[in-house]
N, C-alpha and C. Protein backbone atom coordinates (compact mmCIF):
# COMPACT_ATOMS: atom_id res chain seq x y z
N MET A 1 -110.34 -10.47 59.71
CA MET A 1 -109.18 -10.20 58.87
C MET A 1 -108.17 -9.36 59.64
N GLY A 2 -106.92 -9.76 59.54
CA GLY A 2 -105.87 -9.04 60.26
C GLY A 2 -105.34 -7.87 59.44
N VAL A 3 -104.53 -7.05 60.10
CA VAL A 3 -103.89 -5.92 59.43
C VAL A 3 -102.66 -6.44 58.69
N THR A 4 -102.59 -6.12 57.42
CA THR A 4 -101.46 -6.61 56.60
C THR A 4 -100.32 -5.59 56.61
N ALA A 5 -99.17 -6.04 56.15
CA ALA A 5 -98.01 -5.15 56.05
C ALA A 5 -98.33 -3.98 55.13
N ALA A 6 -99.10 -4.23 54.08
CA ALA A 6 -99.48 -3.17 53.14
C ALA A 6 -100.35 -2.12 53.83
N ASP A 7 -101.20 -2.56 54.78
CA ASP A 7 -102.04 -1.62 55.52
C ASP A 7 -101.19 -0.79 56.48
N ARG A 8 -100.18 -1.42 57.09
CA ARG A 8 -99.35 -0.72 58.07
C ARG A 8 -98.45 0.32 57.42
N ALA A 9 -97.95 0.06 56.23
CA ALA A 9 -96.98 0.96 55.59
C ALA A 9 -97.52 2.39 55.42
N PRO A 10 -98.75 2.57 54.86
CA PRO A 10 -99.25 3.95 54.73
C PRO A 10 -99.42 4.63 56.10
N LYS A 11 -99.85 3.85 57.12
CA LYS A 11 -100.02 4.43 58.45
C LYS A 11 -98.66 4.87 59.02
N GLN A 12 -97.62 4.05 58.81
CA GLN A 12 -96.28 4.41 59.28
C GLN A 12 -95.76 5.64 58.52
N ASP A 13 -96.05 5.69 57.22
CA ASP A 13 -95.63 6.86 56.42
C ASP A 13 -96.31 8.12 56.93
N ARG A 14 -97.62 8.02 57.23
CA ARG A 14 -98.35 9.18 57.75
C ARG A 14 -97.80 9.59 59.10
N SER A 15 -97.50 8.61 59.94
CA SER A 15 -96.95 8.89 61.26
C SER A 15 -95.60 9.60 61.15
N ARG A 16 -94.76 9.11 60.24
CA ARG A 16 -93.44 9.72 60.02
C ARG A 16 -93.60 11.16 59.50
N ALA A 17 -94.53 11.35 58.58
CA ALA A 17 -94.76 12.69 58.01
C ALA A 17 -95.28 13.65 59.09
N THR A 18 -96.17 13.16 59.95
CA THR A 18 -96.69 13.99 61.05
C THR A 18 -95.56 14.39 61.98
N ARG A 19 -94.72 13.42 62.32
CA ARG A 19 -93.60 13.69 63.22
C ARG A 19 -92.67 14.75 62.60
N GLN A 20 -92.38 14.61 61.33
CA GLN A 20 -91.50 15.55 60.64
C GLN A 20 -92.11 16.96 60.63
N ARG A 21 -93.42 17.06 60.35
CA ARG A 21 -94.08 18.36 60.35
C ARG A 21 -94.01 19.00 61.74
N LEU A 22 -94.19 18.19 62.78
CA LEU A 22 -94.11 18.71 64.15
C LEU A 22 -92.71 19.23 64.47
N LEU A 23 -91.69 18.47 64.06
CA LEU A 23 -90.32 18.88 64.34
C LEU A 23 -89.98 20.19 63.61
N GLN A 24 -90.37 20.28 62.35
CA GLN A 24 -90.09 21.50 61.58
C GLN A 24 -90.85 22.69 62.17
N ALA A 25 -92.10 22.47 62.55
CA ALA A 25 -92.90 23.55 63.15
C ALA A 25 -92.32 23.98 64.50
N ALA A 26 -91.81 23.03 65.26
CA ALA A 26 -91.22 23.35 66.57
C ALA A 26 -89.99 24.24 66.41
N VAL A 27 -89.13 23.92 65.45
CA VAL A 27 -87.94 24.74 65.24
C VAL A 27 -88.34 26.14 64.78
N ALA A 28 -89.29 26.22 63.86
CA ALA A 28 -89.73 27.54 63.37
C ALA A 28 -90.32 28.37 64.51
N CYS A 29 -91.14 27.74 65.35
CA CYS A 29 -91.74 28.45 66.49
C CYS A 29 -90.67 28.93 67.47
N LEU A 30 -89.74 28.04 67.78
CA LEU A 30 -88.67 28.39 68.72
C LEU A 30 -87.84 29.55 68.17
N ALA A 31 -87.54 29.53 66.88
CA ALA A 31 -86.74 30.59 66.27
C ALA A 31 -87.50 31.92 66.26
N GLU A 32 -88.82 31.86 66.03
CA GLU A 32 -89.61 33.08 65.90
C GLU A 32 -90.14 33.60 67.24
N ARG A 33 -90.54 32.69 68.14
CA ARG A 33 -91.24 33.09 69.36
C ARG A 33 -90.46 32.89 70.64
N GLY A 34 -89.33 32.17 70.54
CA GLY A 34 -88.58 31.86 71.76
C GLY A 34 -89.27 30.77 72.56
N TRP A 35 -88.66 30.40 73.68
CA TRP A 35 -89.17 29.32 74.51
C TRP A 35 -90.54 29.66 75.10
N ALA A 36 -90.68 30.87 75.62
CA ALA A 36 -91.92 31.26 76.30
C ALA A 36 -93.12 31.19 75.36
N GLY A 37 -92.92 31.54 74.09
CA GLY A 37 -94.04 31.56 73.15
C GLY A 37 -94.23 30.27 72.38
N SER A 38 -93.45 29.26 72.69
CA SER A 38 -93.51 28.00 71.94
C SER A 38 -94.08 26.90 72.82
N THR A 39 -95.34 26.64 72.65
CA THR A 39 -95.99 25.56 73.40
C THR A 39 -96.32 24.42 72.44
N VAL A 40 -96.68 23.29 73.01
CA VAL A 40 -97.07 22.15 72.18
C VAL A 40 -98.30 22.52 71.34
N SER A 41 -99.23 23.25 71.93
CA SER A 41 -100.45 23.65 71.20
C SER A 41 -100.13 24.54 70.00
N VAL A 42 -99.24 25.50 70.21
CA VAL A 42 -98.85 26.41 69.12
C VAL A 42 -98.17 25.63 68.00
N VAL A 43 -97.29 24.71 68.37
CA VAL A 43 -96.58 23.91 67.38
C VAL A 43 -97.56 23.00 66.63
N ALA A 44 -98.46 22.35 67.37
CA ALA A 44 -99.44 21.46 66.74
C ALA A 44 -100.29 22.22 65.73
N GLU A 45 -100.73 23.41 66.12
CA GLU A 45 -101.54 24.22 65.20
C GLU A 45 -100.75 24.58 63.95
N ARG A 46 -99.52 24.99 64.15
CA ARG A 46 -98.68 25.36 63.00
C ARG A 46 -98.43 24.16 62.09
N ALA A 47 -98.28 22.98 62.68
CA ALA A 47 -98.02 21.76 61.90
C ALA A 47 -99.30 21.20 61.28
N GLY A 48 -100.46 21.72 61.69
CA GLY A 48 -101.72 21.23 61.15
C GLY A 48 -102.15 19.89 61.71
N VAL A 49 -101.77 19.64 62.98
CA VAL A 49 -102.18 18.38 63.63
C VAL A 49 -102.82 18.71 64.99
N SER A 50 -103.52 17.74 65.51
CA SER A 50 -104.16 17.97 66.82
C SER A 50 -103.13 17.94 67.93
N ARG A 51 -103.47 18.54 69.05
CA ARG A 51 -102.58 18.52 70.22
C ARG A 51 -102.36 17.07 70.67
N GLY A 52 -103.43 16.26 70.58
CA GLY A 52 -103.32 14.85 70.96
C GLY A 52 -102.32 14.10 70.10
N ALA A 53 -102.34 14.38 68.78
CA ALA A 53 -101.38 13.74 67.88
C ALA A 53 -99.95 14.18 68.22
N ALA A 54 -99.81 15.45 68.55
CA ALA A 54 -98.49 15.97 68.93
C ALA A 54 -97.98 15.26 70.18
N GLN A 55 -98.87 15.10 71.16
CA GLN A 55 -98.46 14.47 72.41
C GLN A 55 -98.26 12.96 72.26
N HIS A 56 -98.89 12.37 71.27
CA HIS A 56 -98.64 10.96 70.97
C HIS A 56 -97.18 10.78 70.55
N HIS A 57 -96.70 11.70 69.71
CA HIS A 57 -95.31 11.63 69.22
C HIS A 57 -94.32 12.13 70.26
N PHE A 58 -94.69 13.17 70.99
CA PHE A 58 -93.78 13.81 71.95
C PHE A 58 -94.56 14.09 73.25
N PRO A 59 -94.44 13.20 74.22
CA PRO A 59 -95.25 13.32 75.45
C PRO A 59 -95.05 14.63 76.22
N THR A 60 -93.85 15.22 76.14
CA THR A 60 -93.62 16.48 76.87
C THR A 60 -93.10 17.55 75.93
N ARG A 61 -93.22 18.77 76.37
CA ARG A 61 -92.70 19.92 75.62
C ARG A 61 -91.19 19.77 75.42
N GLU A 62 -90.49 19.33 76.46
CA GLU A 62 -89.04 19.15 76.38
C GLU A 62 -88.68 18.10 75.33
N ASP A 63 -89.46 17.00 75.29
CA ASP A 63 -89.24 15.96 74.27
C ASP A 63 -89.33 16.57 72.87
N LEU A 64 -90.35 17.36 72.66
CA LEU A 64 -90.60 17.94 71.34
C LEU A 64 -89.46 18.86 70.91
N PHE A 65 -89.07 19.79 71.77
CA PHE A 65 -88.10 20.79 71.34
C PHE A 65 -86.67 20.25 71.27
N THR A 66 -86.33 19.32 72.16
CA THR A 66 -84.98 18.73 72.05
C THR A 66 -84.91 17.92 70.76
N ALA A 67 -85.95 17.13 70.48
CA ALA A 67 -85.96 16.32 69.25
C ALA A 67 -85.94 17.22 68.02
N ALA A 68 -86.62 18.36 68.08
CA ALA A 68 -86.68 19.27 66.93
C ALA A 68 -85.31 19.83 66.60
N VAL A 69 -84.60 20.30 67.61
CA VAL A 69 -83.28 20.87 67.35
C VAL A 69 -82.32 19.78 66.87
N GLU A 70 -82.43 18.60 67.45
CA GLU A 70 -81.57 17.48 67.02
C GLU A 70 -81.86 17.10 65.56
N TYR A 71 -83.14 17.03 65.23
CA TYR A 71 -83.55 16.67 63.87
C TYR A 71 -82.99 17.66 62.85
N VAL A 72 -83.16 18.95 63.12
CA VAL A 72 -82.71 19.94 62.15
C VAL A 72 -81.18 19.99 62.11
N ALA A 73 -80.53 19.76 63.25
CA ALA A 73 -79.06 19.71 63.25
C ALA A 73 -78.57 18.58 62.35
N GLU A 74 -79.23 17.44 62.41
CA GLU A 74 -78.86 16.32 61.54
C GLU A 74 -79.12 16.66 60.08
N GLU A 75 -80.24 17.32 59.82
CA GLU A 75 -80.55 17.73 58.44
C GLU A 75 -79.50 18.70 57.91
N ARG A 76 -79.08 19.65 58.78
CA ARG A 76 -78.08 20.62 58.36
C ARG A 76 -76.73 19.95 58.11
N SER A 77 -76.37 18.97 58.95
CA SER A 77 -75.12 18.24 58.74
C SER A 77 -75.14 17.53 57.40
N THR A 78 -76.27 16.90 57.09
CA THR A 78 -76.41 16.20 55.81
C THR A 78 -76.31 17.20 54.66
N ALA A 79 -76.97 18.34 54.80
CA ALA A 79 -76.94 19.35 53.75
C ALA A 79 -75.53 19.92 53.57
N LEU A 80 -74.82 20.11 54.69
CA LEU A 80 -73.47 20.65 54.62
C LEU A 80 -72.55 19.68 53.89
N ARG A 81 -72.66 18.41 54.21
CA ARG A 81 -71.83 17.40 53.52
C ARG A 81 -72.22 17.34 52.03
N ALA A 82 -73.50 17.53 51.73
CA ALA A 82 -73.96 17.47 50.34
C ALA A 82 -73.43 18.64 49.51
N LEU A 83 -73.10 19.76 50.15
CA LEU A 83 -72.54 20.90 49.43
C LEU A 83 -71.17 20.56 48.84
N PHE A 84 -70.47 19.63 49.50
CA PHE A 84 -69.12 19.26 49.08
C PHE A 84 -69.03 17.74 48.98
N PRO A 85 -69.79 17.13 48.05
CA PRO A 85 -69.84 15.66 47.99
C PRO A 85 -68.48 15.03 47.68
N GLU A 86 -67.62 15.75 47.00
CA GLU A 86 -66.29 15.21 46.66
C GLU A 86 -65.23 15.77 47.61
N GLY A 87 -65.68 16.38 48.72
CA GLY A 87 -64.73 17.09 49.58
C GLY A 87 -64.60 18.52 49.09
N ALA A 88 -63.97 19.36 49.85
CA ALA A 88 -63.92 20.79 49.52
C ALA A 88 -62.88 21.11 48.46
N GLN A 89 -62.03 20.14 48.11
CA GLN A 89 -61.03 20.35 47.06
C GLN A 89 -60.17 21.59 47.33
N GLY A 90 -59.89 21.84 48.60
CA GLY A 90 -58.99 22.95 48.94
C GLY A 90 -59.64 24.32 48.94
N ASP A 91 -60.93 24.42 48.69
CA ASP A 91 -61.60 25.73 48.67
C ASP A 91 -62.05 26.06 50.10
N ARG A 92 -61.09 26.47 50.91
CA ARG A 92 -61.40 26.71 52.33
C ARG A 92 -62.37 27.87 52.52
N ARG A 93 -62.30 28.86 51.65
CA ARG A 93 -63.21 30.00 51.81
C ARG A 93 -64.66 29.55 51.68
N ALA A 94 -64.94 28.66 50.72
CA ALA A 94 -66.32 28.15 50.55
C ALA A 94 -66.74 27.35 51.78
N VAL A 95 -65.81 26.58 52.34
CA VAL A 95 -66.11 25.80 53.55
C VAL A 95 -66.37 26.73 54.73
N VAL A 96 -65.51 27.73 54.89
CA VAL A 96 -65.68 28.69 55.99
C VAL A 96 -67.04 29.37 55.87
N ARG A 97 -67.39 29.79 54.66
CA ARG A 97 -68.69 30.46 54.46
C ARG A 97 -69.85 29.52 54.80
N ALA A 98 -69.76 28.27 54.34
CA ALA A 98 -70.84 27.30 54.60
C ALA A 98 -70.98 27.02 56.10
N LEU A 99 -69.85 26.89 56.80
CA LEU A 99 -69.92 26.64 58.24
C LEU A 99 -70.44 27.85 58.99
N VAL A 100 -70.04 29.05 58.58
CA VAL A 100 -70.56 30.27 59.22
C VAL A 100 -72.07 30.35 59.00
N ASP A 101 -72.53 29.95 57.80
CA ASP A 101 -73.97 29.98 57.52
C ASP A 101 -74.76 29.09 58.48
N LEU A 102 -74.13 28.03 58.99
CA LEU A 102 -74.80 27.18 59.98
C LEU A 102 -75.24 27.98 61.20
N TYR A 103 -74.45 29.00 61.53
CA TYR A 103 -74.70 29.77 62.75
C TYR A 103 -75.49 31.05 62.52
N THR A 104 -75.96 31.27 61.30
CA THR A 104 -76.71 32.50 61.06
C THR A 104 -78.14 32.23 60.59
N GLY A 105 -78.55 30.97 60.62
CA GLY A 105 -79.88 30.62 60.16
C GLY A 105 -80.83 30.32 61.31
N PRO A 106 -82.04 29.87 60.98
CA PRO A 106 -83.06 29.61 61.99
C PRO A 106 -82.70 28.50 62.97
N LEU A 107 -81.91 27.54 62.54
CA LEU A 107 -81.52 26.47 63.47
C LEU A 107 -80.74 27.04 64.64
N PHE A 108 -79.78 27.90 64.35
CA PHE A 108 -78.98 28.48 65.43
C PHE A 108 -79.87 29.32 66.35
N ARG A 109 -80.76 30.11 65.75
CA ARG A 109 -81.67 30.94 66.55
C ARG A 109 -82.53 30.05 67.46
N ALA A 110 -83.05 28.96 66.91
CA ALA A 110 -83.86 28.03 67.71
C ALA A 110 -83.02 27.39 68.81
N ALA A 111 -81.81 26.95 68.46
CA ALA A 111 -80.93 26.32 69.45
C ALA A 111 -80.60 27.30 70.56
N LEU A 112 -80.37 28.55 70.21
CA LEU A 112 -80.04 29.56 71.21
C LEU A 112 -81.18 29.73 72.22
N HIS A 113 -82.41 29.78 71.72
CA HIS A 113 -83.56 29.88 72.63
C HIS A 113 -83.63 28.66 73.54
N LEU A 114 -83.32 27.50 72.98
CA LEU A 114 -83.33 26.28 73.78
C LEU A 114 -82.25 26.33 74.86
N TRP A 115 -81.05 26.84 74.51
CA TRP A 115 -79.96 26.95 75.49
C TRP A 115 -80.36 27.88 76.63
N VAL A 116 -80.96 29.02 76.30
CA VAL A 116 -81.36 29.98 77.34
C VAL A 116 -82.40 29.35 78.25
N ALA A 117 -83.39 28.67 77.66
CA ALA A 117 -84.40 28.00 78.48
C ALA A 117 -83.76 26.93 79.36
N ALA A 118 -82.81 26.19 78.80
CA ALA A 118 -82.16 25.11 79.55
C ALA A 118 -81.37 25.65 80.74
N SER A 119 -80.87 26.86 80.61
CA SER A 119 -80.10 27.43 81.71
C SER A 119 -80.99 27.75 82.91
N ASN A 120 -82.31 27.83 82.68
CA ASN A 120 -83.25 28.15 83.77
C ASN A 120 -84.19 27.00 84.12
N GLU A 121 -84.20 25.95 83.31
CA GLU A 121 -85.13 24.84 83.52
C GLU A 121 -84.34 23.56 83.76
N ASP A 122 -84.36 23.10 85.00
CA ASP A 122 -83.55 21.94 85.38
C ASP A 122 -83.83 20.72 84.51
N GLN A 123 -85.11 20.43 84.25
CA GLN A 123 -85.45 19.21 83.50
C GLN A 123 -84.95 19.27 82.05
N LEU A 124 -84.76 20.46 81.54
CA LEU A 124 -84.30 20.62 80.17
C LEU A 124 -82.77 20.68 80.10
N GLY A 125 -82.15 21.18 81.14
CA GLY A 125 -80.71 21.44 81.14
C GLY A 125 -79.84 20.26 80.74
N ALA A 126 -80.02 19.12 81.40
CA ALA A 126 -79.17 17.95 81.12
C ALA A 126 -79.36 17.46 79.69
N ARG A 127 -80.60 17.49 79.20
CA ARG A 127 -80.88 17.01 77.84
C ARG A 127 -80.24 17.91 76.80
N VAL A 128 -80.33 19.21 77.01
CA VAL A 128 -79.77 20.15 76.04
C VAL A 128 -78.24 20.11 76.08
N THR A 129 -77.67 19.96 77.26
CA THR A 129 -76.22 19.87 77.38
C THR A 129 -75.70 18.66 76.61
N GLU A 130 -76.37 17.53 76.77
CA GLU A 130 -75.96 16.29 76.07
C GLU A 130 -76.16 16.45 74.56
N LEU A 131 -77.28 17.04 74.16
CA LEU A 131 -77.56 17.27 72.74
C LEU A 131 -76.51 18.19 72.13
N GLU A 132 -76.22 19.27 72.80
CA GLU A 132 -75.26 20.24 72.28
C GLU A 132 -73.86 19.62 72.16
N ALA A 133 -73.49 18.77 73.10
CA ALA A 133 -72.19 18.10 73.02
C ALA A 133 -72.13 17.22 71.77
N ARG A 134 -73.23 16.49 71.50
CA ARG A 134 -73.28 15.61 70.32
C ARG A 134 -73.23 16.42 69.03
N VAL A 135 -74.04 17.49 68.96
CA VAL A 135 -74.08 18.33 67.76
C VAL A 135 -72.72 19.00 67.56
N GLY A 136 -72.11 19.46 68.66
CA GLY A 136 -70.80 20.10 68.58
C GLY A 136 -69.73 19.15 68.05
N ARG A 137 -69.75 17.91 68.54
CA ARG A 137 -68.77 16.92 68.06
C ARG A 137 -68.94 16.65 66.56
N GLU A 138 -70.20 16.51 66.13
CA GLU A 138 -70.47 16.24 64.72
C GLU A 138 -70.04 17.42 63.85
N THR A 139 -70.34 18.64 64.28
CA THR A 139 -69.94 19.82 63.52
C THR A 139 -68.42 19.91 63.43
N HIS A 140 -67.75 19.60 64.53
CA HIS A 140 -66.28 19.64 64.54
C HIS A 140 -65.73 18.60 63.56
N ARG A 141 -66.30 17.39 63.57
CA ARG A 141 -65.86 16.33 62.64
C ARG A 141 -66.03 16.76 61.19
N ILE A 142 -67.19 17.35 60.89
CA ILE A 142 -67.45 17.81 59.53
C ILE A 142 -66.45 18.90 59.14
N ALA A 143 -66.22 19.84 60.06
CA ALA A 143 -65.28 20.94 59.79
C ALA A 143 -63.88 20.40 59.51
N VAL A 144 -63.43 19.46 60.32
CA VAL A 144 -62.10 18.86 60.13
C VAL A 144 -62.01 18.22 58.75
N ASP A 145 -63.03 17.45 58.39
CA ASP A 145 -63.05 16.78 57.08
C ASP A 145 -63.02 17.80 55.93
N LEU A 146 -63.94 18.77 56.00
CA LEU A 146 -64.08 19.70 54.89
C LEU A 146 -62.89 20.65 54.76
N LEU A 147 -62.27 20.98 55.89
CA LEU A 147 -61.12 21.87 55.87
C LEU A 147 -59.83 21.12 55.53
N GLY A 148 -59.92 19.79 55.48
CA GLY A 148 -58.72 19.01 55.21
C GLY A 148 -57.69 19.16 56.30
N ALA A 149 -58.16 19.24 57.55
CA ALA A 149 -57.27 19.48 58.68
C ALA A 149 -56.69 18.16 59.20
N ASP A 150 -55.42 18.19 59.52
CA ASP A 150 -54.74 17.01 60.08
C ASP A 150 -54.62 17.20 61.58
N GLU A 151 -55.53 16.53 62.32
CA GLU A 151 -55.56 16.74 63.77
C GLU A 151 -54.39 16.10 64.52
N SER A 152 -53.55 15.36 63.80
CA SER A 152 -52.36 14.83 64.48
C SER A 152 -51.30 15.93 64.65
N ARG A 153 -51.46 17.03 63.93
CA ARG A 153 -50.52 18.15 64.08
C ARG A 153 -50.90 18.98 65.30
N PRO A 154 -49.93 19.34 66.14
CA PRO A 154 -50.22 20.14 67.33
C PRO A 154 -50.93 21.45 66.98
N GLY A 155 -51.97 21.76 67.73
CA GLY A 155 -52.70 23.01 67.56
C GLY A 155 -53.82 22.97 66.55
N THR A 156 -53.88 21.92 65.72
CA THR A 156 -54.90 21.87 64.67
C THR A 156 -56.30 21.79 65.27
N ARG A 157 -56.48 20.91 66.24
CA ARG A 157 -57.81 20.76 66.85
C ARG A 157 -58.29 22.09 67.43
N GLU A 158 -57.40 22.77 68.13
CA GLU A 158 -57.75 24.05 68.75
C GLU A 158 -58.02 25.13 67.71
N THR A 159 -57.29 25.08 66.59
CA THR A 159 -57.52 26.05 65.52
C THR A 159 -58.91 25.87 64.92
N VAL A 160 -59.28 24.63 64.65
CA VAL A 160 -60.61 24.35 64.09
C VAL A 160 -61.68 24.74 65.10
N GLN A 161 -61.48 24.39 66.38
CA GLN A 161 -62.48 24.73 67.39
C GLN A 161 -62.59 26.24 67.56
N GLY A 162 -61.45 26.94 67.51
CA GLY A 162 -61.47 28.40 67.60
C GLY A 162 -62.27 29.01 66.46
N PHE A 163 -62.10 28.46 65.27
CA PHE A 163 -62.88 28.93 64.12
C PHE A 163 -64.38 28.71 64.36
N LEU A 164 -64.76 27.52 64.84
CA LEU A 164 -66.18 27.25 65.08
C LEU A 164 -66.74 28.16 66.18
N ASP A 165 -65.94 28.43 67.20
CA ASP A 165 -66.37 29.35 68.26
C ASP A 165 -66.58 30.75 67.69
N MET A 166 -65.67 31.17 66.78
CA MET A 166 -65.82 32.47 66.14
C MET A 166 -67.10 32.49 65.28
N ALA A 167 -67.37 31.41 64.57
CA ALA A 167 -68.57 31.34 63.74
C ALA A 167 -69.82 31.47 64.59
N ARG A 168 -69.81 30.84 65.78
CA ARG A 168 -70.93 30.96 66.71
C ARG A 168 -71.10 32.42 67.14
N GLY A 169 -69.99 33.10 67.38
CA GLY A 169 -70.04 34.52 67.74
C GLY A 169 -70.65 35.36 66.64
N LEU A 170 -70.31 35.06 65.39
CA LEU A 170 -70.93 35.78 64.27
C LEU A 170 -72.44 35.53 64.25
N GLY A 171 -72.83 34.29 64.58
CA GLY A 171 -74.26 33.98 64.64
C GLY A 171 -74.97 34.79 65.71
N LEU A 172 -74.32 34.96 66.86
CA LEU A 172 -74.91 35.78 67.93
C LEU A 172 -75.05 37.23 67.47
N ALA A 173 -74.01 37.77 66.83
CA ALA A 173 -74.07 39.15 66.36
C ALA A 173 -75.19 39.33 65.35
N ASN A 174 -75.43 38.31 64.54
CA ASN A 174 -76.45 38.38 63.50
C ASN A 174 -77.87 38.38 64.06
N LEU A 175 -78.03 37.97 65.32
CA LEU A 175 -79.36 37.97 65.92
C LEU A 175 -79.92 39.39 66.04
N LEU A 176 -79.03 40.35 66.24
CA LEU A 176 -79.48 41.73 66.48
C LEU A 176 -79.50 42.57 65.21
N THR A 177 -78.52 42.37 64.35
CA THR A 177 -78.47 43.16 63.12
C THR A 177 -78.00 42.26 61.97
N ASP A 178 -78.36 42.64 60.76
CA ASP A 178 -77.86 41.90 59.60
C ASP A 178 -76.41 42.32 59.42
N ASP A 179 -75.53 41.40 59.70
CA ASP A 179 -74.10 41.68 59.74
C ASP A 179 -73.38 41.13 58.51
N ALA A 180 -74.10 41.00 57.40
CA ALA A 180 -73.57 40.26 56.23
C ALA A 180 -72.27 40.85 55.68
N ALA A 181 -72.18 42.18 55.57
CA ALA A 181 -70.99 42.79 54.96
C ALA A 181 -69.76 42.54 55.83
N ARG A 182 -69.86 42.78 57.12
CA ARG A 182 -68.73 42.55 58.01
C ARG A 182 -68.41 41.06 58.07
N ARG A 183 -69.45 40.25 58.08
CA ARG A 183 -69.27 38.80 58.16
C ARG A 183 -68.46 38.29 56.96
N GLU A 184 -68.71 38.83 55.78
CA GLU A 184 -67.98 38.39 54.58
C GLU A 184 -66.49 38.71 54.70
N ARG A 185 -66.16 39.86 55.28
CA ARG A 185 -64.74 40.21 55.48
C ARG A 185 -64.10 39.26 56.49
N VAL A 186 -64.85 38.92 57.54
CA VAL A 186 -64.33 38.00 58.56
C VAL A 186 -64.14 36.61 57.95
N VAL A 187 -65.07 36.17 57.11
CA VAL A 187 -64.95 34.87 56.44
C VAL A 187 -63.66 34.83 55.61
N ALA A 188 -63.41 35.89 54.86
CA ALA A 188 -62.21 35.94 54.02
C ALA A 188 -60.95 35.87 54.89
N GLN A 189 -60.95 36.61 55.99
CA GLN A 189 -59.78 36.61 56.87
C GLN A 189 -59.56 35.24 57.52
N TRP A 190 -60.65 34.61 57.98
CA TRP A 190 -60.51 33.30 58.61
C TRP A 190 -60.07 32.23 57.62
N ALA A 191 -60.53 32.35 56.38
CA ALA A 191 -60.07 31.39 55.36
C ALA A 191 -58.56 31.52 55.18
N ALA A 192 -58.07 32.77 55.18
CA ALA A 192 -56.63 33.00 55.04
C ALA A 192 -55.87 32.46 56.26
N VAL A 193 -56.42 32.70 57.45
CA VAL A 193 -55.80 32.22 58.68
C VAL A 193 -55.73 30.69 58.67
N LEU A 194 -56.84 30.05 58.29
CA LEU A 194 -56.87 28.59 58.26
C LEU A 194 -55.91 28.03 57.20
N ASP A 195 -55.81 28.70 56.05
CA ASP A 195 -54.85 28.25 55.03
C ASP A 195 -53.44 28.24 55.61
N GLN A 196 -53.12 29.29 56.33
CA GLN A 196 -51.78 29.39 56.90
C GLN A 196 -51.57 28.39 58.06
N ALA A 197 -52.58 28.30 58.93
CA ALA A 197 -52.43 27.45 60.12
C ALA A 197 -52.51 25.96 59.80
N LEU A 198 -53.32 25.60 58.82
CA LEU A 198 -53.54 24.18 58.53
C LEU A 198 -52.66 23.66 57.40
N GLY A 199 -52.01 24.58 56.69
CA GLY A 199 -51.10 24.16 55.62
C GLY A 199 -51.78 23.74 54.36
């Protein structure tokens, strides 16, 4: 008797679930332990799977962590768009706050550890550079949409990018101390700046 489609479906579902658990565990490990403390074994244990199962899905450590950051970046993009399903309706302050939140959570912390590792590990460098370019383009596209920015106007692209660069800086500051009170004042100011600059 051969394997039927019905037999394959549960196995594919289990495989997908295992992969997802590994990706989520990898991001959590990277955010909490940094690159040096995040091995395939540590991630596999945290995900509740064998090291062999982890390596079946991700043959190398670099494969695992690049895929993990990419996966969570996609999840965050989806979640960000879901916050404003009808568009931001002109509420730039809410959009600014949501975009700043992207840079103060565990994804940013995990990505930062990956960037630092990539700066010292040749085999990781090119992959992370390409990944970051893709994630950056997607974040910029989302920001333009949600802010209602018209990029055909001179300076608009640079204004949006400057805002995202500032948000990344707030994320860096947040790594050392909880900067929530100052961050809220900066969010309010940037929302006002964007209202004026973007019309």
